[in-house]
């Protein structure tokens, strides 16, 4: 029997989605296949043919394109999942924040109502002390003035915090005073005249400030900024002296004090 001519089919590739051309060349005759399909013979095996399929080789560029598109789809899917999770977290935070705001608002309203009720009761209540007793209390100095050694109530402008600050700085000045005095008295024949002049002015300003610091603090003539500078200068002086022996290094110490830009001309009352 004559053989059926070969023919071509174009199935769709499930992976790439593209159609491919396959050449089919059957080895069995068309008549035998028709007979077997219509009325196969019993007891006699029909001649079986073998279909040979020839698949064209895949294009590397097409495979790379399909893999690239699949990778992009996977990245987009993961990013979308991440954004959805972040959205859920933000929604939960917003719900929690709104609930906290409501609780805080309700608590504030309750505190305000209680405060108004208490103030109203206090205003309507009769005074506990007479007018003469209250005037006498105003004449007395504050308790912290007597405890911290300020005898005159007219220096009330010197606040409690500033007075405590002065006591700490005064301790540092008392610690630096003997070192400066010893350095001033030591014999020195190698230091230049400009250094000696500046060092002399520095020691004179230090002695003047040490004698009048308490008075300037009481009168509030020395500002908080100047006290901060004084504390910084005393720290520099302490670092310069360190553990050096003053008699062995007088020139070095004087130069370091002059070059450190320390200034103790602070808090002088303005005329």
Protein backbone atom coordinates (compact mmCIF):
# COMPACT_ATOMS: atom_id res chain seq x y z
CA UNK A 1 0.00 0.00 0.00
CA UNK A 2 1.16 3.51 -0.65
CA UNK A 3 2.51 5.46 2.28
CA UNK A 4 0.77 8.61 3.48
CA UNK A 5 2.79 11.71 2.76
CA UNK A 6 4.41 13.45 5.70
CA UNK A 7 2.62 16.44 7.16
CA UNK A 8 3.37 19.30 9.57
CA UNK A 9 1.52 20.26 12.77
CA UNK A 10 1.92 23.39 14.94
CA UNK A 11 1.16 22.52 18.58
CA UNK A 12 1.42 25.15 21.34
CA UNK A 13 4.28 24.78 23.78
CA UNK A 14 2.94 24.75 27.36
CA UNK A 15 6.12 26.32 28.80
CA UNK A 16 6.69 29.16 26.35
CA UNK A 17 3.18 29.62 24.97
CA UNK A 18 4.52 29.71 21.41
CA UNK A 19 3.57 27.43 18.55
CA UNK A 20 6.18 25.05 17.21
CA UNK A 21 6.37 23.23 13.89
CA UNK A 22 6.63 19.44 14.00
CA UNK A 23 7.19 17.30 10.88
CA UNK A 24 5.30 13.98 11.16
CA UNK A 25 6.34 11.14 8.85
CA UNK A 26 4.16 8.08 9.52
CA UNK A 27 5.56 4.66 8.53
CA UNK A 28 2.18 2.94 8.36
CA UNK A 29 0.03 3.21 5.24
CA UNK A 30 -3.15 5.25 5.35
CA UNK A 31 -5.31 2.28 4.31
CA UNK A 32 -4.06 0.07 7.18
CA UNK A 33 -4.82 2.76 9.69
CA UNK A 34 -8.33 3.21 8.27
CA UNK A 35 -9.01 -0.54 8.41
CA UNK A 36 -7.78 -0.77 11.96
CA UNK A 37 -9.87 2.18 13.02
CA UNK A 38 -13.07 0.91 11.33
CA UNK A 39 -12.98 -2.86 11.80
CA UNK A 40 -9.84 -4.34 13.30
CA UNK A 41 -9.21 -7.99 12.46
CA UNK A 42 -9.44 -10.60 15.18
CA UNK A 43 -6.67 -12.97 15.76
CA UNK A 44 -4.39 -11.10 13.48
CA UNK A 45 -2.30 -8.25 14.67
CA UNK A 46 -2.42 -5.31 12.40
CA UNK A 47 0.81 -4.02 11.15
CA UNK A 48 1.89 -1.40 13.58
CA UNK A 49 3.60 1.65 12.32
CA UNK A 50 5.93 3.99 14.18
CA UNK A 51 5.45 7.72 14.01
CA UNK A 52 8.71 9.67 14.03
CA UNK A 53 8.55 13.24 15.37
CA UNK A 54 11.24 15.76 14.56
CA UNK A 55 11.30 18.71 17.01
CA UNK A 56 13.07 21.83 15.95
CA UNK A 57 15.83 23.02 18.29
CA UNK A 58 14.80 25.74 20.80
CA UNK A 59 15.99 29.29 20.21
CA UNK A 60 18.31 30.46 23.08
CA UNK A 61 17.10 34.04 22.72
CA UNK A 62 13.50 32.91 23.14
CA UNK A 63 14.36 30.84 26.20
CA UNK A 64 16.17 33.82 27.77
CA UNK A 65 13.21 36.10 27.08
CA UNK A 66 10.73 33.68 28.67
CA UNK A 67 12.95 33.17 31.72
CA UNK A 68 13.37 36.95 32.11
CA UNK A 69 9.62 37.53 31.99
CA UNK A 70 9.04 34.76 34.54
CA UNK A 71 11.64 36.27 36.90
CA UNK A 72 10.03 39.72 36.58
CA UNK A 73 6.62 38.25 37.38
CA UNK A 74 8.07 36.52 40.46
CA UNK A 75 9.69 39.76 41.70
CA UNK A 76 6.46 41.71 41.22
CA UNK A 77 4.50 39.06 43.07
CA UNK A 78 6.89 39.12 46.07
CA UNK A 79 6.88 42.93 46.20
CA UNK A 80 3.11 42.98 46.11
CA UNK A 81 2.95 40.50 49.01
CA UNK A 82 5.38 42.65 51.02
CA UNK A 83 3.37 45.83 50.40
CA UNK A 84 0.15 44.11 51.40
CA UNK A 85 1.72 42.98 54.68
CA UNK A 86 2.96 46.53 55.36
CA UNK A 87 -0.50 47.86 54.65
CA UNK A 88 -2.04 45.46 57.16
CA UNK A 89 0.48 46.54 59.83
CA UNK A 90 -0.16 50.24 59.17
CA UNK A 91 -3.91 49.75 59.40
CA UNK A 92 -3.48 48.00 62.75
CA UNK A 93 -1.25 50.85 64.00
CA UNK A 94 -3.79 53.44 62.89
CA UNK A 95 -6.58 51.61 64.67
CA UNK A 96 -4.48 51.36 67.83
CA UNK A 97 -3.49 55.05 67.62
CA UNK A 98 -7.06 56.19 67.21
CA UNK A 99 -8.04 54.09 70.22
CA UNK A 100 -5.21 55.58 72.31
CA UNK A 101 -6.24 59.09 71.30
CA UNK A 102 -9.79 58.44 72.41
CA UNK A 103 -8.60 57.07 75.75
CA UNK A 104 -6.25 60.02 76.31
CA UNK A 105 -8.97 62.51 75.40
CA UNK A 106 -11.43 60.92 77.78
CA UNK A 107 -8.85 60.88 80.58
CA UNK A 108 -8.00 64.54 79.97
CA UNK A 109 -11.64 65.52 80.08
CA UNK A 110 -12.11 63.63 83.33
CA UNK A 111 -9.05 65.27 84.92
CA UNK A 112 -10.20 68.70 83.78
CA UNK A 113 -13.68 68.19 85.22
CA UNK A 114 -12.23 66.99 88.53
CA UNK A 115 -9.86 69.97 88.66
CA UNK A 116 -12.66 72.44 88.01
CA UNK A 117 -14.83 70.84 90.67
CA UNK A 118 -11.98 70.93 93.20
CA UNK A 119 -11.08 74.54 92.41
CA UNK A 120 -14.70 75.56 92.73
CA UNK A 121 -14.93 73.90 96.14
CA UNK A 122 -11.72 75.59 97.26
CA UNK A 123 -12.90 78.99 96.08
CA UNK A 124 -16.20 78.66 97.87
CA UNK A 125 -14.58 77.42 101.08
CA UNK A 126 -13.71 80.04 103.75
CA UNK A 127 -9.99 81.05 103.98
CA UNK A 128 -7.89 78.96 106.36
CA UNK A 129 -5.69 81.90 107.39
CA UNK A 130 -6.49 85.49 108.05
CA UNK A 131 -5.19 88.33 105.92
CA UNK A 132 -2.74 89.44 108.63
CA UNK A 133 -1.23 85.94 108.88
CA UNK A 134 -0.70 85.74 105.13
CA UNK A 135 1.00 89.15 105.06
CA UNK A 136 3.37 88.04 107.83
CA UNK A 137 4.30 84.93 105.85
CA UNK A 138 5.20 87.07 102.84
CA UNK A 139 7.62 89.08 104.94
CA UNK A 140 9.59 85.99 105.97
CA UNK A 141 12.41 84.80 103.67
CA UNK A 142 12.13 81.50 101.87
CA UNK A 143 13.23 78.36 103.68
CA UNK A 144 16.06 77.59 101.25
CA UNK A 145 17.57 81.06 101.84
CA UNK A 146 18.20 80.28 105.51
CA UNK A 147 19.49 76.75 104.81
CA UNK A 148 22.01 77.82 102.15
CA UNK A 149 23.47 80.75 104.04
CA UNK A 150 21.97 83.81 102.33
CA UNK A 151 21.12 86.03 105.31
CA UNK A 152 19.61 89.02 103.51
CA UNK A 153 16.16 88.43 101.95
CA UNK A 154 16.79 91.20 99.39
CA UNK A 155 19.01 88.77 97.47
CA UNK A 156 16.04 86.54 96.65
CA UNK A 157 16.86 86.94 92.93
CA UNK A 158 19.62 84.40 93.49
CA UNK A 159 17.62 81.26 92.86
CA UNK A 160 18.09 77.97 94.64
CA UNK A 161 19.51 76.20 91.59
CA UNK A 162 22.04 78.93 90.90
CA UNK A 163 23.20 78.95 94.52
CA UNK A 164 23.84 75.19 94.46
CA UNK A 165 25.74 75.67 91.21
CA UNK A 166 27.87 78.38 92.83
CA UNK A 167 28.78 76.08 95.72
CA UNK A 168 30.14 73.45 93.27
CA UNK A 169 32.13 76.04 91.31
CA UNK A 170 33.49 77.53 94.53
CA UNK A 171 34.92 74.12 95.48
CA UNK A 172 36.72 73.92 92.12
CA UNK A 173 38.13 77.42 92.56
CA UNK A 174 39.40 76.56 96.03
CA UNK A 175 41.16 73.52 94.53
CA UNK A 176 42.81 75.57 91.74
CA UNK A 177 43.84 78.55 93.93
CA UNK A 178 46.84 76.88 95.71
CA UNK A 179 48.29 75.66 92.39
CA UNK A 180 48.13 79.09 90.77
CA UNK A 181 49.58 80.72 93.89
CA UNK A 182 52.47 78.24 94.01
CA UNK A 183 53.17 78.75 90.30
CA UNK A 184 53.17 82.53 90.84
CA UNK A 185 55.70 82.33 93.68
CA UNK A 186 58.14 79.87 92.05
CA UNK A 187 61.41 81.28 90.68
CA UNK A 188 61.42 81.41 86.88
CA UNK A 189 64.21 82.94 84.76
CA UNK A 190 63.39 81.41 81.36
CA UNK A 191 59.86 82.61 80.62
CA UNK A 192 59.46 85.44 78.11
CA UNK A 193 58.16 88.84 79.21
CA UNK A 194 54.86 88.70 77.19
CA UNK A 195 53.99 85.34 78.76
CA UNK A 196 54.74 86.66 82.26
CA UNK A 197 52.58 89.75 81.63
CA UNK A 198 49.58 87.73 80.47
CA UNK A 199 50.03 85.22 83.28
CA UNK A 200 50.13 88.05 85.85
CA UNK A 201 46.84 89.47 84.58
CA UNK A 202 45.28 85.99 84.63
CA UNK A 203 46.29 85.43 88.28
CA UNK A 204 45.05 88.90 89.29
CA UNK A 205 41.65 88.30 87.65
CA UNK A 206 41.45 84.88 89.32
CA UNK A 207 42.13 86.34 92.79
CA UNK A 208 39.58 89.12 92.25
CA UNK A 209 36.92 86.67 91.06
CA UNK A 210 37.67 84.28 93.91
CA UNK A 211 37.19 87.08 96.48
CA UNK A 212 33.96 88.51 95.00
CA UNK A 213 32.30 85.47 93.40
CA UNK A 214 29.81 84.93 96.24
CA UNK A 215 28.82 88.58 96.25
CA UNK A 216 28.32 88.61 92.49
CA UNK A 217 26.19 85.49 92.67
CA UNK A 218 24.02 86.95 95.43
CA UNK A 219 23.51 90.17 93.53
CA UNK A 220 22.92 88.22 90.32
CA UNK A 221 25.51 90.32 88.46
CA UNK A 222 27.23 87.23 87.04
CA UNK A 223 25.13 85.58 84.35
CA UNK A 224 24.55 81.87 83.87
CA UNK A 225 26.56 81.96 80.65
CA UNK A 226 29.56 83.36 82.52
CA UNK A 227 29.24 80.66 85.17
CA UNK A 228 29.32 78.01 82.43
CA UNK A 229 32.46 79.60 80.99
CA UNK A 230 34.04 79.74 84.45
CA UNK A 231 33.35 76.05 84.98
CA UNK A 232 34.90 75.25 81.60
CA UNK A 233 38.01 77.37 82.34
CA UNK A 234 38.52 75.69 85.72
CA UNK A 235 38.35 72.30 84.02
CA UNK A 236 41.06 73.42 81.58
CA UNK A 237 43.27 74.62 84.42
CA UNK A 238 42.87 71.31 86.21
CA UNK A 239 43.84 69.41 83.04
CA UNK A 240 46.91 71.60 82.45
CA UNK A 241 48.37 71.09 85.92
CA UNK A 242 47.55 67.39 86.08
CA UNK A 243 50.23 65.58 88.07
CA UNK A 244 53.18 67.75 87.02
CA UNK A 245 55.53 69.19 89.62
CA UNK A 246 55.19 72.97 89.54
CA UNK A 247 58.81 73.67 90.55
CA UNK A 248 60.20 71.60 87.67
CA UNK A 249 57.94 72.91 84.88
CA UNK A 250 57.06 76.57 85.60
CA UNK A 251 57.68 77.86 82.06
CA UNK A 252 55.69 75.08 80.44
CA UNK A 253 52.71 75.56 82.78
CA UNK A 254 52.63 79.34 82.32
CA UNK A 255 52.68 79.01 78.54
CA UNK A 256 49.95 76.40 78.60
CA UNK A 257 47.73 78.60 80.79
CA UNK A 258 48.24 81.60 78.51
CA UNK A 259 47.66 79.60 75.30
CA UNK A 260 44.54 77.90 76.75
CA UNK A 261 42.59 81.19 76.40
CA UNK A 262 41.19 81.11 79.92
CA UNK A 263 39.65 84.34 81.21
CA UNK A 264 38.60 85.01 84.79
CA UNK A 265 37.49 88.60 84.25
CA UNK A 266 33.82 87.65 84.69
CA UNK A 267 30.77 88.96 86.51
CA UNK A 268 31.97 92.47 87.28
CA UNK A 269 28.97 94.74 88.03
CA UNK A 270 28.31 97.30 85.32
CA UNK A 271 28.54 100.96 86.28
